[in-house]
Amino acid sequence: MMKIMLGVQYVDGSGAEVTASVPDFVAFERKYDKPISAFSTDVRIEYMAFIAWHALNRTNETKLDFDGWLETLAELRIGEEEEIVPLESNQSTGS
């Protein structure tokens, strides 16, 4: 697992798409003393929220502390990372 895509919706109607990555996973493990794999087996709203908040905080998209940020949150969802489909290599070169 290299990235987790999360969508956040705020009480004011605005929203953001969040891409959490390794620094956010390490912060999760340090805070909760659990491996990041716990995120997929024991999906707690707090875990999802912390990872989203940490990614937003790390990228300077929020200056609020975690609890303050939670007060602004209306909805949180797990998105899916899109895979890039490689071009087919058996295309004709015109020779």
N, C-alpha and C. Protein backbone atom coordinates (compact mmCIF):
# COMPACT_ATOMS: atom_id res chain seq x y z
N MET A 1 0.85 -1.16 0.00
CA MET A 1 0.00 0.00 0.00
C MET A 1 0.90 1.23 0.00
N MET A 2 0.79 2.01 -1.06
CA MET A 2 1.63 3.19 -1.16
C MET A 2 0.84 4.48 -1.01
N LYS A 3 -0.46 4.46 -1.36
CA LYS A 3 -1.29 5.64 -1.26
C LYS A 3 -2.70 5.25 -0.87
N ILE A 4 -3.37 6.15 -0.17
CA ILE A 4 -4.79 6.01 0.11
C ILE A 4 -5.45 7.30 -0.34
N MET A 5 -6.50 7.15 -1.12
CA MET A 5 -7.25 8.31 -1.57
C MET A 5 -8.46 8.48 -0.64
N LEU A 6 -8.64 9.69 -0.14
CA LEU A 6 -9.76 9.99 0.75
C LEU A 6 -10.47 11.24 0.25
N GLY A 7 -11.76 11.26 0.41
CA GLY A 7 -12.54 12.44 0.08
C GLY A 7 -13.11 13.03 1.36
N VAL A 8 -12.99 14.33 1.54
CA VAL A 8 -13.55 15.00 2.71
C VAL A 8 -14.57 16.03 2.25
N GLN A 9 -15.63 16.14 3.04
CA GLN A 9 -16.66 17.14 2.81
C GLN A 9 -16.80 17.91 4.12
N TYR A 10 -16.76 19.21 4.02
CA TYR A 10 -16.83 20.06 5.21
C TYR A 10 -18.26 20.55 5.44
N VAL A 11 -18.55 20.97 6.67
CA VAL A 11 -19.89 21.44 7.01
C VAL A 11 -20.28 22.69 6.21
N ASP A 12 -19.31 23.44 5.72
CA ASP A 12 -19.63 24.64 4.93
C ASP A 12 -19.92 24.32 3.47
N GLY A 13 -19.90 23.02 3.10
CA GLY A 13 -20.20 22.61 1.75
C GLY A 13 -18.98 22.43 0.85
N SER A 14 -17.84 22.91 1.27
CA SER A 14 -16.62 22.72 0.47
C SER A 14 -16.09 21.30 0.69
N GLY A 15 -15.13 20.92 -0.11
CA GLY A 15 -14.57 19.58 0.01
C GLY A 15 -13.17 19.51 -0.55
N ALA A 16 -12.56 18.35 -0.41
CA ALA A 16 -11.21 18.14 -0.91
C ALA A 16 -10.99 16.66 -1.16
N GLU A 17 -10.15 16.37 -2.14
CA GLU A 17 -9.67 15.02 -2.38
C GLU A 17 -8.27 14.96 -1.78
N VAL A 18 -8.02 13.95 -0.99
CA VAL A 18 -6.78 13.83 -0.24
C VAL A 18 -6.04 12.58 -0.69
N THR A 19 -4.74 12.73 -0.93
CA THR A 19 -3.89 11.58 -1.22
C THR A 19 -2.93 11.41 -0.05
N ALA A 20 -3.15 10.37 0.73
CA ALA A 20 -2.28 10.09 1.87
C ALA A 20 -1.18 9.14 1.40
N SER A 21 0.02 9.35 1.92
CA SER A 21 1.15 8.52 1.51
C SER A 21 2.02 8.17 2.71
N VAL A 22 3.21 7.69 2.45
CA VAL A 22 4.09 7.12 3.48
C VAL A 22 4.25 8.02 4.72
N PRO A 23 4.52 9.33 4.61
CA PRO A 23 4.66 10.12 5.83
C PRO A 23 3.40 10.10 6.70
N ASP A 24 2.24 10.03 6.07
CA ASP A 24 0.98 9.99 6.81
C ASP A 24 0.80 8.63 7.48
N PHE A 25 1.23 7.57 6.82
CA PHE A 25 1.13 6.23 7.40
C PHE A 25 2.05 6.09 8.61
N VAL A 26 3.25 6.64 8.51
CA VAL A 26 4.19 6.58 9.64
C VAL A 26 3.62 7.38 10.83
N ALA A 27 3.05 8.53 10.55
CA ALA A 27 2.43 9.33 11.63
C ALA A 27 1.30 8.55 12.28
N PHE A 28 0.49 7.84 11.48
CA PHE A 28 -0.58 7.00 12.02
C PHE A 28 0.00 5.93 12.94
N GLU A 29 1.04 5.24 12.47
CA GLU A 29 1.63 4.17 13.27
C GLU A 29 2.20 4.70 14.58
N ARG A 30 2.81 5.86 14.54
CA ARG A 30 3.38 6.46 15.76
C ARG A 30 2.29 6.88 16.73
N LYS A 31 1.21 7.48 16.21
CA LYS A 31 0.14 7.97 17.09
C LYS A 31 -0.64 6.83 17.73
N TYR A 32 -1.01 5.82 16.95
CA TYR A 32 -1.88 4.76 17.45
C TYR A 32 -1.14 3.49 17.84
N ASP A 33 0.17 3.45 17.62
CA ASP A 33 0.98 2.28 17.93
C ASP A 33 0.39 1.02 17.29
N LYS A 34 -0.03 1.17 16.03
CA LYS A 34 -0.58 0.07 15.24
C LYS A 34 0.03 0.14 13.86
N PRO A 35 0.20 -0.99 13.20
CA PRO A 35 0.68 -0.95 11.82
C PRO A 35 -0.40 -0.37 10.91
N ILE A 36 0.00 0.20 9.80
CA ILE A 36 -0.96 0.79 8.86
C ILE A 36 -1.94 -0.27 8.36
N SER A 37 -1.57 -1.54 8.40
CA SER A 37 -2.49 -2.60 7.98
C SER A 37 -3.75 -2.62 8.85
N ALA A 38 -3.67 -2.08 10.06
CA ALA A 38 -4.86 -1.99 10.92
C ALA A 38 -5.91 -1.10 10.29
N PHE A 39 -5.48 -0.17 9.44
CA PHE A 39 -6.41 0.71 8.76
C PHE A 39 -7.37 -0.07 7.88
N SER A 40 -6.89 -1.13 7.24
CA SER A 40 -7.76 -1.90 6.35
C SER A 40 -8.53 -3.00 7.07
N THR A 41 -8.07 -3.44 8.23
CA THR A 41 -8.76 -4.52 8.93
C THR A 41 -9.65 -4.00 10.05
N ASP A 42 -9.35 -2.83 10.58
CA ASP A 42 -10.11 -2.25 11.69
C ASP A 42 -10.42 -0.80 11.33
N VAL A 43 -11.28 -0.62 10.33
CA VAL A 43 -11.53 0.71 9.80
C VAL A 43 -12.36 1.51 10.80
N ARG A 44 -11.69 2.37 11.53
CA ARG A 44 -12.35 3.28 12.45
C ARG A 44 -12.40 4.66 11.81
N ILE A 45 -13.47 5.37 12.04
CA ILE A 45 -13.61 6.72 11.51
C ILE A 45 -12.45 7.59 11.98
N GLU A 46 -12.04 7.43 13.22
CA GLU A 46 -10.93 8.23 13.74
C GLU A 46 -9.66 7.97 12.94
N TYR A 47 -9.39 6.71 12.58
CA TYR A 47 -8.20 6.39 11.80
C TYR A 47 -8.24 7.08 10.44
N MET A 48 -9.39 6.97 9.76
CA MET A 48 -9.55 7.61 8.46
C MET A 48 -9.36 9.12 8.58
N ALA A 49 -9.99 9.70 9.59
CA ALA A 49 -9.93 11.14 9.78
C ALA A 49 -8.49 11.58 10.08
N PHE A 50 -7.79 10.84 10.93
CA PHE A 50 -6.42 11.22 11.26
C PHE A 50 -5.53 11.20 10.03
N ILE A 51 -5.66 10.16 9.22
CA ILE A 51 -4.82 10.06 8.02
C ILE A 51 -5.14 11.20 7.06
N ALA A 52 -6.43 11.50 6.86
CA ALA A 52 -6.81 12.61 5.99
C ALA A 52 -6.29 13.93 6.54
N TRP A 53 -6.50 14.17 7.84
CA TRP A 53 -6.03 15.41 8.46
C TRP A 53 -4.52 15.54 8.34
N HIS A 54 -3.80 14.46 8.61
CA HIS A 54 -2.34 14.52 8.57
C HIS A 54 -1.86 14.88 7.17
N ALA A 55 -2.46 14.28 6.16
CA ALA A 55 -2.08 14.59 4.78
C ALA A 55 -2.37 16.05 4.45
N LEU A 56 -3.53 16.55 4.87
CA LEU A 56 -3.88 17.96 4.62
C LEU A 56 -2.97 18.90 5.38
N ASN A 57 -2.66 18.55 6.61
CA ASN A 57 -1.77 19.37 7.43
C ASN A 57 -0.36 19.37 6.87
N ARG A 58 0.11 18.21 6.44
CA ARG A 58 1.46 18.08 5.89
C ARG A 58 1.63 18.90 4.62
N THR A 59 0.57 19.01 3.84
CA THR A 59 0.63 19.75 2.58
C THR A 59 0.12 21.19 2.74
N ASN A 60 0.02 21.64 3.98
CA ASN A 60 -0.39 23.01 4.31
C ASN A 60 -1.78 23.38 3.80
N GLU A 61 -2.67 22.40 3.70
CA GLU A 61 -4.05 22.67 3.28
C GLU A 61 -4.96 22.91 4.47
N THR A 62 -4.47 22.70 5.68
CA THR A 62 -5.16 23.08 6.90
C THR A 62 -4.12 23.45 7.95
N LYS A 63 -4.47 24.43 8.75
CA LYS A 63 -3.61 24.84 9.86
C LYS A 63 -4.23 24.44 11.20
N LEU A 64 -5.44 23.88 11.14
CA LEU A 64 -6.15 23.50 12.36
C LEU A 64 -5.51 22.26 12.98
N ASP A 65 -5.59 22.17 14.33
CA ASP A 65 -5.16 20.93 14.97
C ASP A 65 -6.21 19.86 14.67
N PHE A 66 -5.90 18.61 14.99
CA PHE A 66 -6.77 17.50 14.61
C PHE A 66 -8.19 17.67 15.13
N ASP A 67 -8.35 17.95 16.43
CA ASP A 67 -9.69 18.08 17.00
C ASP A 67 -10.44 19.27 16.41
N GLY A 68 -9.76 20.37 16.19
CA GLY A 68 -10.39 21.53 15.57
C GLY A 68 -10.85 21.22 14.15
N TRP A 69 -10.03 20.50 13.41
CA TRP A 69 -10.37 20.10 12.04
C TRP A 69 -11.58 19.17 12.03
N LEU A 70 -11.65 18.24 13.00
CA LEU A 70 -12.79 17.33 13.08
C LEU A 70 -14.11 18.08 13.20
N GLU A 71 -14.09 19.20 13.91
CA GLU A 71 -15.31 20.00 14.09
C GLU A 71 -15.82 20.57 12.77
N THR A 72 -14.97 20.68 11.77
CA THR A 72 -15.36 21.24 10.47
C THR A 72 -15.79 20.15 9.48
N LEU A 73 -15.61 18.90 9.85
CA LEU A 73 -15.82 17.77 8.94
C LEU A 73 -17.26 17.29 8.97
N ALA A 74 -17.87 17.13 7.78
CA ALA A 74 -19.23 16.61 7.68
C ALA A 74 -19.25 15.18 7.17
N GLU A 75 -18.33 14.85 6.26
CA GLU A 75 -18.34 13.53 5.63
C GLU A 75 -16.92 13.14 5.25
N LEU A 76 -16.67 11.85 5.28
CA LEU A 76 -15.36 11.31 4.94
C LEU A 76 -15.57 10.01 4.19
N ARG A 77 -14.88 9.83 3.08
CA ARG A 77 -15.03 8.59 2.32
C ARG A 77 -13.67 8.12 1.81
N ILE A 78 -13.58 6.82 1.64
CA ILE A 78 -12.37 6.23 1.07
C ILE A 78 -12.58 6.15 -0.43
N GLY A 79 -11.65 6.72 -1.17
CA GLY A 79 -11.69 6.66 -2.62
C GLY A 79 -10.81 5.54 -3.11
N GLU A 80 -10.71 5.42 -4.40
CA GLU A 80 -9.85 4.40 -4.98
C GLU A 80 -8.81 5.07 -5.85
N GLU A 81 -7.61 4.59 -5.75
CA GLU A 81 -6.53 5.11 -6.58
C GLU A 81 -6.73 4.61 -8.01
N GLU A 82 -6.63 5.52 -8.94
CA GLU A 82 -6.77 5.13 -10.33
C GLU A 82 -5.46 4.56 -10.83
N GLU A 83 -5.57 3.45 -11.56
CA GLU A 83 -4.38 2.86 -12.17
C GLU A 83 -4.21 3.41 -13.57
N ILE A 84 -2.98 3.67 -13.93
CA ILE A 84 -2.68 4.13 -15.28
C ILE A 84 -2.51 2.90 -16.16
N VAL A 85 -3.29 2.83 -17.21
CA VAL A 85 -3.23 1.69 -18.12
C VAL A 85 -2.13 1.96 -19.14
N PRO A 86 -1.15 1.05 -19.25
CA PRO A 86 -0.06 1.27 -20.21
C PRO A 86 -0.56 1.15 -21.64
N LEU A 87 0.11 1.83 -22.52
CA LEU A 87 -0.22 1.72 -23.94
C LEU A 87 0.15 0.33 -24.42
N GLU A 88 -0.61 -0.17 -25.36
CA GLU A 88 -0.30 -1.49 -25.92
C GLU A 88 0.99 -1.38 -26.72
N SER A 89 1.85 -2.37 -26.60
CA SER A 89 3.15 -2.31 -27.27
C SER A 89 3.14 -3.00 -28.63
N ASN A 90 2.02 -3.64 -28.99
CA ASN A 90 2.01 -4.36 -30.26
C ASN A 90 1.35 -3.56 -31.38
N GLN A 91 1.43 -2.24 -31.29
CA GLN A 91 0.87 -1.41 -32.34
C GLN A 91 1.81 -1.37 -33.54
N SER A 92 1.21 -1.23 -34.71
CA SER A 92 1.98 -1.20 -35.96
C SER A 92 2.83 0.08 -36.03
N THR A 93 4.04 -0.04 -36.51
CA THR A 93 4.92 1.10 -36.67
C THR A 93 4.87 1.66 -38.09
N GLY A 94 4.10 1.03 -38.96
CA GLY A 94 3.97 1.50 -40.33
C GLY A 94 5.04 0.96 -41.26
N SER A 95 5.87 0.02 -40.83
CA SER A 95 6.92 -0.55 -41.69
C SER A 95 6.41 -1.71 -42.48
